[in-house]
Structure formats: structure tokens, C-alpha cells
N, C-alpha and C. Protein backbone atom coordinates (compact mmCIF):
# COMPACT_ATOMS: atom_id res chain seq x y z
N UNK A 1 138.16 -151.29 6.81
CA UNK A 1 137.80 -149.77 6.79
C UNK A 1 136.37 -149.69 5.71
N UNK A 2 135.55 -148.94 6.09
CA UNK A 2 134.55 -148.63 5.15
C UNK A 2 134.33 -147.01 5.00
N UNK A 3 134.12 -146.65 3.60
CA UNK A 3 134.08 -145.29 3.43
C UNK A 3 132.48 -145.04 3.20
N UNK A 4 132.07 -143.78 3.63
CA UNK A 4 130.78 -143.19 3.34
C UNK A 4 130.86 -141.88 2.82
N UNK A 5 129.66 -141.61 1.90
CA UNK A 5 129.63 -140.32 1.54
C UNK A 5 128.37 -139.44 1.99
N UNK A 6 128.70 -138.32 2.15
CA UNK A 6 127.66 -137.54 2.72
C UNK A 6 127.44 -136.39 1.50
N UNK A 7 126.12 -136.22 1.10
CA UNK A 7 125.80 -135.16 0.18
C UNK A 7 124.92 -134.37 0.67
N UNK A 8 124.95 -132.93 0.28
CA UNK A 8 124.09 -131.93 0.46
C UNK A 8 123.62 -131.47 -0.68
N UNK A 9 122.30 -131.41 -0.91
CA UNK A 9 121.55 -131.04 -2.04
C UNK A 9 121.06 -129.58 -1.64
N UNK A 10 121.18 -128.61 -2.72
CA UNK A 10 120.44 -127.31 -2.68
C UNK A 10 120.21 -126.89 -4.01
N UNK A 11 119.18 -125.91 -4.09
CA UNK A 11 118.88 -125.26 -5.42
C UNK A 11 119.65 -124.09 -5.32
N UNK A 12 119.99 -123.48 -6.57
CA UNK A 12 120.53 -122.38 -6.66
C UNK A 12 119.83 -121.41 -7.72
N UNK A 13 119.23 -120.31 -7.17
CA UNK A 13 118.22 -119.50 -7.74
C UNK A 13 118.87 -118.02 -8.13
N UNK A 14 118.31 -117.26 -8.85
CA UNK A 14 118.41 -115.82 -9.10
C UNK A 14 117.41 -115.23 -8.17
N UNK A 15 117.58 -114.26 -7.52
CA UNK A 15 116.63 -113.73 -6.55
C UNK A 15 115.18 -113.60 -7.27
N UNK A 16 115.11 -113.22 -8.50
CA UNK A 16 113.96 -112.89 -9.17
C UNK A 16 113.18 -114.34 -9.57
N UNK A 17 113.78 -115.36 -9.44
CA UNK A 17 113.32 -116.72 -9.58
C UNK A 17 112.48 -117.37 -8.46
N UNK A 18 112.73 -116.72 -7.17
CA UNK A 18 112.12 -117.26 -6.08
C UNK A 18 110.52 -116.77 -5.93
N UNK A 19 109.98 -117.67 -5.36
CA UNK A 19 108.40 -117.07 -5.37
C UNK A 19 108.16 -116.16 -4.43
N UNK A 20 107.04 -115.49 -4.44
CA UNK A 20 106.82 -114.40 -3.67
C UNK A 20 107.14 -114.47 -2.24
N UNK A 21 106.71 -115.40 -1.46
CA UNK A 21 106.93 -115.43 0.03
C UNK A 21 108.55 -115.58 0.30
N UNK A 22 109.19 -116.32 -0.50
CA UNK A 22 110.63 -116.35 -0.23
C UNK A 22 111.20 -114.98 -0.68
N UNK A 23 110.91 -114.28 -1.68
CA UNK A 23 111.45 -112.85 -1.97
C UNK A 23 111.20 -112.14 -0.68
N UNK A 24 109.95 -112.10 -0.23
CA UNK A 24 109.60 -111.14 0.77
C UNK A 24 110.68 -111.63 2.02
N UNK A 25 110.78 -112.72 2.28
CA UNK A 25 111.63 -113.13 3.45
C UNK A 25 112.85 -112.83 3.41
N UNK A 26 113.38 -112.76 2.09
CA UNK A 26 114.79 -112.45 1.84
C UNK A 26 114.98 -110.93 2.05
N UNK A 27 113.99 -110.14 1.72
CA UNK A 27 113.94 -108.60 1.77
C UNK A 27 114.06 -108.38 3.20
N UNK A 28 113.18 -109.17 4.13
CA UNK A 28 113.25 -108.79 5.50
C UNK A 28 114.61 -108.97 6.09
N UNK A 29 115.22 -109.96 5.65
CA UNK A 29 116.64 -110.38 6.09
C UNK A 29 117.52 -109.56 5.79
N UNK A 30 117.42 -108.89 4.57
CA UNK A 30 118.30 -107.78 4.07
C UNK A 30 118.01 -106.58 4.75
N UNK A 31 116.85 -106.11 5.02
CA UNK A 31 116.52 -104.80 6.03
C UNK A 31 117.21 -105.10 7.16
N UNK A 32 117.28 -106.18 7.93
CA UNK A 32 117.73 -106.42 9.23
C UNK A 32 119.34 -106.00 9.44
N UNK A 33 120.10 -106.02 8.14
CA UNK A 33 121.50 -105.82 8.39
C UNK A 33 121.84 -104.47 8.86
N UNK A 34 120.82 -103.53 8.69
CA UNK A 34 121.16 -102.16 9.15
C UNK A 34 120.78 -101.99 10.71
N UNK A 35 120.28 -103.13 11.24
CA UNK A 35 120.12 -103.17 12.61
C UNK A 35 121.25 -103.65 13.48
N UNK A 36 122.33 -104.58 12.79
CA UNK A 36 123.28 -105.03 13.46
C UNK A 36 124.10 -104.00 14.28
N UNK A 37 124.75 -104.61 15.17
CA UNK A 37 125.51 -103.78 16.03
C UNK A 37 127.04 -104.57 15.91
N UNK A 38 127.80 -103.89 15.08
CA UNK A 38 128.91 -104.79 14.47
C UNK A 38 130.23 -103.88 14.48
N UNK A 39 130.61 -103.16 15.91
CA UNK A 39 131.69 -102.22 15.85
C UNK A 39 132.85 -102.84 15.78
N UNK A 40 133.19 -104.13 15.74
CA UNK A 40 134.46 -104.93 15.60
C UNK A 40 134.67 -105.60 14.25
N UNK A 41 133.74 -106.43 14.06
CA UNK A 41 133.93 -107.18 12.75
C UNK A 41 133.31 -106.45 11.39
N UNK A 42 132.43 -105.50 11.58
CA UNK A 42 131.84 -104.65 10.49
C UNK A 42 131.14 -105.65 9.52
N UNK A 43 130.79 -106.79 10.23
CA UNK A 43 130.29 -107.75 9.28
C UNK A 43 128.65 -107.86 9.72
N UNK A 44 127.77 -107.36 8.84
CA UNK A 44 126.24 -107.23 9.23
C UNK A 44 125.63 -108.28 8.69
N UNK A 45 124.77 -109.12 9.62
CA UNK A 45 124.13 -110.23 9.12
C UNK A 45 122.63 -109.99 9.60
N UNK A 46 121.66 -110.14 8.70
CA UNK A 46 120.26 -110.20 9.03
C UNK A 46 119.62 -111.66 8.77
N UNK A 47 118.61 -111.87 9.50
CA UNK A 47 117.85 -113.21 9.30
C UNK A 47 116.41 -112.84 9.57
N UNK A 48 115.57 -113.77 8.85
CA UNK A 48 114.32 -113.55 9.10
C UNK A 48 113.52 -114.84 8.93
N UNK A 49 112.54 -114.99 9.77
CA UNK A 49 111.85 -116.31 9.86
C UNK A 49 110.41 -116.10 9.41
N UNK A 50 109.86 -116.96 8.56
CA UNK A 50 108.41 -117.04 8.36
C UNK A 50 107.81 -118.05 9.19
N UNK A 51 107.07 -117.65 10.05
CA UNK A 51 106.17 -118.64 10.89
C UNK A 51 104.97 -119.17 10.49
N UNK A 52 104.53 -120.34 10.86
CA UNK A 52 103.32 -121.11 10.33
C UNK A 52 102.12 -120.26 10.47
N UNK A 53 102.10 -119.17 11.36
CA UNK A 53 101.10 -118.37 11.61
C UNK A 53 101.03 -117.17 10.89
N UNK A 54 101.87 -117.06 9.88
CA UNK A 54 102.01 -116.01 8.73
C UNK A 54 102.84 -114.82 9.36
N UNK A 55 103.25 -114.74 10.66
CA UNK A 55 104.12 -113.77 11.11
C UNK A 55 105.50 -113.89 10.70
N UNK A 56 106.16 -112.69 10.60
CA UNK A 56 107.56 -112.68 10.06
C UNK A 56 108.27 -112.10 11.27
N UNK A 57 109.28 -112.76 11.68
CA UNK A 57 110.11 -112.26 12.87
C UNK A 57 111.55 -112.20 12.24
N UNK A 58 112.41 -111.10 12.48
CA UNK A 58 113.54 -110.77 11.92
C UNK A 58 114.61 -110.30 13.03
N UNK A 59 115.77 -110.57 12.70
CA UNK A 59 116.95 -109.96 13.89
C UNK A 59 118.11 -109.90 13.10
N UNK A 60 119.17 -109.32 13.98
CA UNK A 60 120.47 -109.12 13.35
C UNK A 60 121.51 -109.44 14.34
N UNK A 61 122.63 -109.66 13.95
CA UNK A 61 123.80 -109.96 14.69
C UNK A 61 124.07 -108.72 15.87
N UNK A 62 124.60 -108.99 16.94
CA UNK A 62 124.92 -108.15 18.05
C UNK A 62 126.30 -108.38 18.46
N UNK A 63 127.16 -107.67 18.42
CA UNK A 63 128.49 -107.93 18.97
C UNK A 63 128.72 -107.26 20.19
N UNK A 64 129.85 -107.74 20.97
CA UNK A 64 130.26 -107.29 22.26
C UNK A 64 131.72 -107.31 22.50
N UNK A 65 132.23 -106.38 23.24
CA UNK A 65 133.65 -106.28 23.41
C UNK A 65 134.18 -107.59 24.10
N UNK A 66 133.28 -108.19 24.92
CA UNK A 66 133.60 -109.53 25.39
C UNK A 66 133.15 -110.46 24.35
N UNK A 67 133.89 -110.90 23.42
CA UNK A 67 133.59 -111.64 22.23
C UNK A 67 132.57 -112.63 22.44
N UNK A 68 132.60 -113.65 23.23
CA UNK A 68 131.55 -114.69 23.12
C UNK A 68 130.20 -114.14 23.65
N UNK A 69 130.13 -112.96 24.23
CA UNK A 69 128.87 -112.31 24.80
C UNK A 69 127.93 -111.96 23.58
N UNK A 70 128.47 -111.71 22.35
CA UNK A 70 127.63 -111.29 21.28
C UNK A 70 126.84 -112.47 20.81
N UNK A 71 125.93 -112.20 19.73
CA UNK A 71 124.99 -113.26 19.26
C UNK A 71 124.83 -113.02 17.85
N UNK A 72 124.85 -114.13 17.18
CA UNK A 72 124.49 -114.13 15.75
C UNK A 72 123.07 -113.80 15.37
N UNK A 73 122.92 -113.37 14.10
CA UNK A 73 121.52 -112.97 13.80
C UNK A 73 120.47 -114.12 13.64
N UNK A 74 121.16 -115.34 13.35
CA UNK A 74 120.14 -116.40 13.25
C UNK A 74 119.60 -116.71 14.65
N UNK A 75 120.54 -116.70 15.66
CA UNK A 75 120.04 -117.21 16.91
C UNK A 75 119.32 -116.20 17.58
N UNK A 76 119.47 -114.73 17.30
CA UNK A 76 118.78 -113.72 17.92
C UNK A 76 117.33 -113.77 17.40
N UNK A 77 117.17 -114.19 16.10
CA UNK A 77 115.88 -114.29 15.51
C UNK A 77 115.10 -115.65 15.90
N UNK A 78 115.85 -116.73 15.93
CA UNK A 78 115.10 -117.92 16.36
C UNK A 78 114.60 -117.71 17.96
N UNK A 79 115.45 -117.26 18.78
CA UNK A 79 115.25 -117.11 20.27
C UNK A 79 114.06 -116.27 20.35
N UNK A 80 114.05 -115.00 19.59
CA UNK A 80 112.98 -114.34 19.89
C UNK A 80 111.51 -114.96 19.40
N UNK A 81 111.78 -115.60 18.28
CA UNK A 81 110.56 -116.03 17.62
C UNK A 81 109.95 -117.16 18.74
N UNK A 82 110.95 -118.00 19.37
CA UNK A 82 110.37 -119.01 20.28
C UNK A 82 109.86 -118.46 21.56
N UNK A 83 110.43 -117.28 21.98
CA UNK A 83 110.04 -116.58 23.08
C UNK A 83 108.51 -115.88 22.94
N UNK A 84 108.56 -115.37 21.71
CA UNK A 84 107.18 -114.51 21.37
C UNK A 84 106.01 -115.50 20.84
N UNK A 85 106.56 -116.63 20.22
CA UNK A 85 105.50 -117.63 19.60
C UNK A 85 106.07 -119.05 19.93
N UNK A 86 105.97 -119.37 21.21
CA UNK A 86 106.56 -120.68 21.52
C UNK A 86 106.08 -121.94 20.96
N UNK A 87 104.69 -122.00 20.49
CA UNK A 87 104.16 -123.10 19.89
C UNK A 87 104.05 -123.04 18.53
N UNK A 88 104.43 -122.25 17.82
CA UNK A 88 104.36 -121.89 16.44
C UNK A 88 105.65 -122.29 15.56
N UNK A 89 105.40 -123.25 14.74
CA UNK A 89 106.57 -123.77 13.91
C UNK A 89 107.19 -122.83 12.90
N UNK A 90 108.38 -122.91 12.58
CA UNK A 90 109.03 -122.20 11.65
C UNK A 90 108.80 -122.66 10.28
N UNK A 91 108.35 -121.87 9.23
CA UNK A 91 108.01 -122.20 7.91
C UNK A 91 109.43 -122.04 6.92
N UNK A 92 110.15 -121.19 7.27
CA UNK A 92 111.55 -120.89 6.38
C UNK A 92 112.22 -119.73 7.10
N UNK A 93 113.42 -119.82 6.89
CA UNK A 93 114.29 -118.86 7.29
C UNK A 93 115.31 -118.06 6.16
N UNK A 94 115.41 -116.99 6.11
CA UNK A 94 116.52 -116.30 5.16
C UNK A 94 117.36 -115.54 5.97
N UNK A 95 118.68 -115.56 5.35
CA UNK A 95 119.76 -115.18 5.89
C UNK A 95 120.53 -114.11 4.73
N UNK A 96 121.09 -112.84 5.10
CA UNK A 96 121.77 -112.11 4.24
C UNK A 96 123.02 -111.38 4.96
N UNK A 97 123.87 -111.12 4.41
CA UNK A 97 125.07 -110.30 5.03
C UNK A 97 125.60 -109.16 4.17
N UNK A 98 126.05 -108.27 4.78
CA UNK A 98 126.44 -106.97 4.24
C UNK A 98 127.85 -106.75 4.80
N UNK A 99 128.67 -106.28 3.93
CA UNK A 99 130.11 -105.81 4.29
C UNK A 99 130.67 -104.83 3.51
N UNK A 100 131.62 -103.82 3.86
CA UNK A 100 132.10 -102.96 3.05
C UNK A 100 131.28 -102.23 2.03
N UNK A 101 130.16 -101.89 2.53
CA UNK A 101 129.17 -101.08 1.77
C UNK A 101 128.14 -101.91 0.63
N UNK A 102 128.24 -103.33 0.83
CA UNK A 102 127.45 -104.08 -0.19
C UNK A 102 127.07 -105.38 0.51
N UNK A 103 126.03 -105.88 -0.08
CA UNK A 103 125.62 -107.40 0.34
C UNK A 103 126.71 -108.14 -0.49
N UNK A 104 127.06 -109.45 0.09
CA UNK A 104 128.02 -110.48 -0.46
C UNK A 104 127.44 -110.93 -1.97
N UNK A 105 128.21 -111.15 -2.76
CA UNK A 105 127.85 -111.87 -4.08
C UNK A 105 127.42 -113.11 -3.94
N UNK A 106 128.11 -113.81 -3.03
CA UNK A 106 127.84 -115.34 -2.77
C UNK A 106 127.22 -115.49 -1.34
N UNK A 107 126.29 -116.36 -0.95
CA UNK A 107 125.61 -116.47 0.08
C UNK A 107 126.44 -116.76 1.21
N UNK A 108 126.29 -116.41 2.54
CA UNK A 108 127.11 -117.07 3.62
C UNK A 108 126.22 -117.97 4.29
N UNK A 109 126.86 -118.88 4.99
CA UNK A 109 126.12 -120.01 5.61
C UNK A 109 126.14 -119.77 7.15
N UNK A 110 125.26 -120.19 7.94
CA UNK A 110 125.07 -119.98 9.63
C UNK A 110 126.50 -120.70 10.10
N UNK A 111 126.92 -120.19 11.29
CA UNK A 111 127.97 -120.73 11.90
C UNK A 111 127.49 -122.20 12.46
N UNK A 112 128.50 -122.91 13.01
CA UNK A 112 128.12 -124.09 13.53
C UNK A 112 127.05 -124.01 14.76
N UNK A 113 127.25 -123.06 15.53
CA UNK A 113 126.38 -122.75 16.73
C UNK A 113 124.94 -122.46 16.39
N UNK A 114 124.71 -121.68 15.12
CA UNK A 114 123.36 -121.38 14.55
C UNK A 114 122.86 -122.42 13.98
N UNK A 115 123.73 -123.38 13.33
CA UNK A 115 123.32 -124.64 12.68
C UNK A 115 122.48 -125.43 13.66
N UNK A 116 123.34 -125.59 14.81
CA UNK A 116 122.79 -126.49 15.98
C UNK A 116 121.48 -126.11 16.49
N UNK A 117 121.40 -124.59 16.80
CA UNK A 117 120.16 -124.08 17.18
C UNK A 117 119.09 -124.28 16.26
N UNK A 118 119.36 -123.95 14.87
CA UNK A 118 118.20 -124.13 14.07
C UNK A 118 117.72 -125.60 13.74
N UNK A 119 118.62 -126.44 13.99
CA UNK A 119 118.32 -127.89 14.02
C UNK A 119 117.48 -128.05 15.09
N UNK A 120 117.72 -127.55 16.23
CA UNK A 120 117.04 -127.96 17.33
C UNK A 120 115.34 -127.53 17.25
N UNK A 121 115.27 -126.40 16.53
CA UNK A 121 113.99 -125.82 16.19
C UNK A 121 113.27 -126.67 15.30
N UNK A 122 114.00 -127.22 14.33
CA UNK A 122 113.36 -128.04 13.12
C UNK A 122 113.02 -129.49 13.94
N UNK A 123 113.92 -129.78 14.73
CA UNK A 123 113.56 -131.01 15.57
C UNK A 123 112.35 -130.93 16.46
N UNK A 124 112.48 -129.84 17.27
CA UNK A 124 111.32 -129.43 18.08
C UNK A 124 109.89 -129.66 17.66
N UNK A 125 109.88 -128.86 16.47
CA UNK A 125 108.28 -128.94 15.75
C UNK A 125 108.31 -130.14 14.82
N UNK A 126 109.29 -130.73 14.43
CA UNK A 126 109.16 -132.08 13.71
C UNK A 126 108.70 -131.60 12.13
N UNK A 127 109.27 -130.58 11.75
CA UNK A 127 108.97 -130.08 10.58
C UNK A 127 110.27 -129.30 9.87
N UNK A 128 110.56 -129.84 8.56
CA UNK A 128 111.69 -129.16 7.97
C UNK A 128 111.56 -127.61 7.86
N UNK A 129 112.67 -127.06 7.98
CA UNK A 129 112.77 -125.66 7.74
C UNK A 129 113.41 -125.28 6.51
N UNK A 130 113.06 -124.89 5.33
CA UNK A 130 113.69 -124.40 4.12
C UNK A 130 114.68 -123.36 4.70
N UNK A 131 115.89 -123.31 4.02
CA UNK A 131 116.84 -122.35 4.33
C UNK A 131 117.12 -121.51 3.11
N UNK A 132 116.93 -120.07 3.25
CA UNK A 132 117.41 -119.24 2.05
C UNK A 132 118.58 -118.48 2.36
N UNK A 133 119.61 -118.68 1.64
CA UNK A 133 120.99 -118.07 1.88
C UNK A 133 121.13 -117.00 0.65
N UNK A 134 120.95 -115.75 1.06
CA UNK A 134 121.06 -114.63 0.04
C UNK A 134 122.41 -114.22 -0.47
N UNK A 135 122.72 -114.09 -1.83
CA UNK A 135 123.77 -113.52 -2.27
C UNK A 135 123.31 -112.56 -3.56
N UNK A 136 123.96 -111.72 -3.98
CA UNK A 136 123.40 -110.89 -4.87
C UNK A 136 123.57 -111.61 -6.27
N UNK A 137 124.57 -112.51 -6.40
CA UNK A 137 124.57 -113.36 -7.69
C UNK A 137 123.76 -114.57 -7.59
N UNK A 138 123.47 -115.10 -6.53
CA UNK A 138 122.70 -116.34 -6.42
C UNK A 138 122.16 -116.51 -4.82
N UNK A 139 121.12 -117.16 -4.89
CA UNK A 139 120.46 -117.54 -3.52
C UNK A 139 120.32 -118.98 -3.47
N UNK A 140 120.98 -119.56 -2.49
CA UNK A 140 120.98 -120.98 -2.33
C UNK A 140 119.76 -121.29 -1.34
N UNK A 141 118.97 -122.41 -1.84
CA UNK A 141 117.85 -122.80 -1.12
C UNK A 141 118.00 -124.30 -0.65
N UNK A 142 118.00 -124.64 0.57
CA UNK A 142 118.20 -125.89 1.16
C UNK A 142 116.88 -126.26 1.63
N UNK A 143 116.49 -127.62 1.42
CA UNK A 143 114.96 -128.18 1.74
C UNK A 143 114.98 -128.16 3.34
N UNK A 144 116.00 -128.18 4.11
CA UNK A 144 115.90 -128.34 5.40
C UNK A 144 117.26 -127.99 6.07
N UNK A 145 117.08 -127.61 7.47
CA UNK A 145 118.23 -127.32 8.02
C UNK A 145 119.16 -128.44 8.31
N UNK A 146 118.72 -129.83 8.53
CA UNK A 146 119.55 -130.88 8.61
C UNK A 146 120.56 -131.00 7.42
N UNK A 147 120.21 -130.42 6.23
CA UNK A 147 121.09 -130.39 5.30
C UNK A 147 122.40 -129.69 5.38
N UNK A 148 122.36 -128.63 6.34
CA UNK A 148 123.46 -127.87 6.68
C UNK A 148 124.38 -128.46 7.69
N UNK A 149 123.88 -129.57 8.31
CA UNK A 149 124.48 -130.26 9.49
C UNK A 149 124.38 -131.77 9.42
N UNK A 150 125.02 -132.36 8.40
CA UNK A 150 124.49 -133.70 8.14
C UNK A 150 124.83 -134.78 9.27
N UNK A 151 126.09 -134.61 9.96
CA UNK A 151 126.33 -135.32 10.98
C UNK A 151 125.94 -134.65 12.36
N UNK A 152 124.82 -134.59 12.45
CA UNK A 152 124.35 -133.64 13.47
C UNK A 152 124.11 -134.47 14.73
N UNK A 153 123.96 -133.56 15.93
CA UNK A 153 123.67 -134.01 17.30
C UNK A 153 122.42 -133.50 17.78
N UNK A 154 121.40 -134.55 17.89
CA UNK A 154 120.14 -134.20 18.31
C UNK A 154 119.69 -135.11 19.62
N UNK A 155 118.46 -134.96 20.08
CA UNK A 155 118.13 -135.62 21.13
C UNK A 155 118.17 -137.19 20.97
N UNK A 156 117.92 -137.70 19.92
CA UNK A 156 118.05 -139.12 19.53
C UNK A 156 119.56 -139.80 19.85
N UNK A 157 120.46 -138.66 19.66
CA UNK A 157 121.96 -139.09 19.70
C UNK A 157 122.07 -139.53 20.99
N UNK A 158 121.43 -139.17 22.01
CA UNK A 158 121.67 -139.53 23.39
C UNK A 158 121.00 -140.67 23.77
N UNK A 159 120.31 -141.37 23.08
CA UNK A 159 119.68 -142.43 23.29
C UNK A 159 120.66 -143.82 23.31
């Protein structure tokens, strides 16, 4: 038997320590929580993408009584960006969550399906996408989506 270790590295910042572009992107994600449609979970999530052309695309989670028919904020945002700007790579993504009248103290991470979609976007353009996960006490910054999904399934996996 052989054992292997997988490590994920991230930086932990206070919001004020982020550079101007990252602070702006986090603020856009935070603004999006108010656009969530979450009558079942009451868990509001906003996401914002900074594209290489300078555009910012943002979205929020949308629930449905037929549970699997809803969509997470990250996928809403990525799919909209890919539909509107199909040839423009993503420079960074920020994610924020709100529940019970306030933003979470610690950041949330994307679900597995969202991680896979974000990874596909990163792979599609061949460029790392930094991930900013907002919490009021700290902001996690990962250098690339792949760090969220170390044992990932990508096109090369099918070779």
C-alpha cells in the first residue's frame, strides 16, 4: 500500500487587506445576495466574476419547489458569463453568503457541482481562476479553482 497526501493552500485575509479589484469583486458578490430566490433554505448566496475584458458578471442562487431544478449562485454566474462573453476568460470569482440577517463570519465554499463547473471554465480557457470566499471575519483566497477540487475529473481524465 502507498499513501499520498493532498494539500490545498490558501491565503487568509481581512477584507481591508485585499487589493482594490478583489474588494470590488467581493462587494459585487455581497450585493447579489439580495437577488437570491430562496423561499425554502433562506440561505442567500451571491457570486461575481471579473472577466479579462474588465466586465463584472454577477448572480445569485435560485431555488425551486422541485429541488433539483434550482441553481447555485456560482453556476448562474458562470453560465451567464459564458453565454454573454463566450470567448472571454474569467480573471477571478468572489462568493458571499447571507443567512439569518447577516453575512457569515466564516466563508462558505462552492458545492461539488459548482466546483466542477468552475473547473471546466478554468480548463476551457487554460487560465487559473483565483477564488475569493468572503466571510466577515476572514476572506479565503485560493490561487485557482483546481485547489478546491484536487482529485478532479477533467477532459484529460477520459484519455
